[in-house]
């Protein structure tokens, strides 16, 4: 459960940080200093939150290694390999699921825009 939460948190923060950085990069001369300052503050906050989330992931990885070492004393090599594969695939599948959800959301938004333009 912690793995799901931390991976989703990292993905969410990465996406939000990328959007803020893109907004900052696309500012023009007509942008008010207040708006620029707000985006810079948001970028700083998201960067710190992202660093905190990476630290959570590192702690989770350490816990995972401890659990793996404990399970190594009780499981056969085959079962231990299955466990290790499961944990690695879980992260990969969470990331893939998030990407697919984002693509679906984008497709739905594009479809709505096309429908509205007709």
Protein backbone atom coordinates (compact mmCIF):
# COMPACT_ATOMS: atom_id res chain seq x y z
CA UNK A 1 0.00 0.00 0.00
CA UNK A 2 2.80 2.42 0.81
CA UNK A 3 4.41 1.71 -2.53
CA UNK A 4 1.23 2.72 -4.38
CA UNK A 5 0.93 5.93 -2.41
CA UNK A 6 4.56 6.99 -2.74
CA UNK A 7 4.79 6.21 -6.46
CA UNK A 8 1.53 8.07 -7.12
CA UNK A 9 2.75 10.99 -5.01
CA UNK A 10 6.01 11.17 -6.96
CA UNK A 11 4.17 11.02 -10.28
CA UNK A 12 1.69 13.67 -9.22
CA UNK A 13 4.36 16.04 -7.92
CA UNK A 14 6.51 15.51 -11.01
CA UNK A 15 3.59 16.36 -13.28
CA UNK A 16 2.60 19.43 -11.29
CA UNK A 17 6.21 20.63 -11.14
CA UNK A 18 6.61 20.17 -14.90
CA UNK A 19 3.43 22.20 -15.55
CA UNK A 20 4.63 25.04 -13.30
CA UNK A 21 8.07 25.04 -14.93
CA UNK A 22 6.46 25.11 -18.39
CA UNK A 23 4.27 28.02 -17.29
CA UNK A 24 7.35 29.86 -16.02
CA UNK A 25 9.21 29.22 -19.27
CA UNK A 26 6.27 30.51 -21.30
CA UNK A 27 5.83 33.79 -19.43
CA UNK A 28 6.16 36.90 -21.54
CA UNK A 29 6.95 40.53 -20.74
CA UNK A 30 3.29 41.35 -20.13
CA UNK A 31 3.10 38.95 -17.18
CA UNK A 32 2.67 40.74 -13.89
CA UNK A 33 5.46 40.44 -11.30
CA UNK A 34 2.87 39.07 -8.86
CA UNK A 35 1.93 36.24 -11.21
CA UNK A 36 5.61 35.46 -11.85
CA UNK A 37 6.30 35.46 -8.08
CA UNK A 38 3.34 33.18 -7.46
CA UNK A 39 4.65 30.67 -10.00
CA UNK A 40 8.18 30.84 -8.57
CA UNK A 41 6.82 30.26 -5.05
CA UNK A 42 4.75 27.34 -6.29
CA UNK A 43 7.82 25.92 -8.03
CA UNK A 44 9.87 26.15 -4.82
CA UNK A 45 7.13 24.47 -2.81
CA UNK A 46 6.66 21.66 -5.33
CA UNK A 47 10.43 21.14 -5.59
CA UNK A 48 10.66 20.74 -1.81
CA UNK A 49 7.66 18.40 -1.74
CA UNK A 50 9.22 16.36 -4.56
CA UNK A 51 12.49 16.07 -2.59
CA UNK A 52 10.51 14.96 0.47
CA UNK A 53 8.67 12.36 -1.62
CA UNK A 54 11.98 11.05 -2.99
CA UNK A 55 13.16 10.67 0.60
CA UNK A 56 9.99 8.72 1.40
CA UNK A 57 10.73 6.46 -1.59
CA UNK A 58 14.28 5.89 -0.36
CA UNK A 59 12.95 4.94 3.09
CA UNK A 60 10.45 2.60 1.45
CA UNK A 61 13.26 1.01 -0.58
CA UNK A 62 15.24 0.43 2.62
CA UNK A 63 12.20 -1.20 4.26
CA UNK A 64 11.75 -3.33 1.15
CA UNK A 65 15.35 -4.59 1.40
CA UNK A 66 14.86 -5.43 5.09
CA UNK A 67 11.67 -7.37 4.32
CA UNK A 68 13.44 -9.13 1.46
CA UNK A 69 16.28 -10.18 3.77
CA UNK A 70 13.79 -11.50 6.33
CA UNK A 71 11.80 -13.37 3.69
CA UNK A 72 15.02 -14.89 2.34
CA UNK A 73 15.21 -16.88 5.58
CA UNK A 74 11.72 -18.34 5.12
CA UNK A 75 11.00 -18.64 1.40
CA UNK A 76 12.46 -20.88 -1.26
CA UNK A 77 14.60 -19.25 -3.94
CA UNK A 78 11.75 -19.58 -6.41
CA UNK A 79 9.21 -17.94 -4.08
CA UNK A 80 11.69 -15.22 -3.17
CA UNK A 81 12.28 -14.50 -6.87
CA UNK A 82 8.50 -14.35 -7.38
CA UNK A 83 8.20 -11.86 -4.51
CA UNK A 84 11.00 -9.70 -5.90
CA UNK A 85 9.43 -9.76 -9.37
CA UNK A 86 6.04 -8.82 -7.91
CA UNK A 87 7.44 -5.79 -6.07
CA UNK A 88 9.34 -4.56 -9.14
CA UNK A 89 6.38 -5.07 -11.46
CA UNK A 90 4.00 -3.35 -9.08
CA UNK A 91 5.86 -0.04 -9.39
CA UNK A 92 6.13 -0.40 -13.16
CA UNK A 93 2.42 -1.20 -13.47
CA UNK A 94 1.44 1.75 -11.26
CA UNK A 95 3.43 4.06 -13.53
CA UNK A 96 1.94 2.49 -16.66
CA UNK A 97 -1.58 2.77 -15.21
CA UNK A 98 -1.02 6.45 -14.46
CA UNK A 99 0.23 7.08 -18.01
CA UNK A 100 -2.81 5.31 -19.46
CA UNK A 101 -5.17 7.29 -17.23
CA UNK A 102 -3.49 10.52 -18.37
CA UNK A 103 -3.84 9.49 -22.02
CA UNK A 104 -7.52 8.65 -21.52
CA UNK A 105 -8.11 11.99 -19.83
CA UNK A 106 -6.33 13.83 -22.65
CA UNK A 107 -8.34 11.91 -25.26
CA UNK A 108 -11.59 12.74 -23.50
CA UNK A 109 -10.63 16.42 -23.33
CA UNK A 110 -9.73 16.43 -27.03
CA UNK A 111 -12.98 14.70 -27.90
CA UNK A 112 -14.96 17.25 -25.89
CA UNK A 113 -13.16 20.11 -27.65
CA UNK A 114 -13.87 18.56 -31.05
CA UNK A 115 -17.51 18.00 -30.16
CA UNK A 116 -17.84 21.58 -28.88
CA UNK A 117 -16.26 22.98 -32.04
CA UNK A 118 -18.82 21.22 -34.25
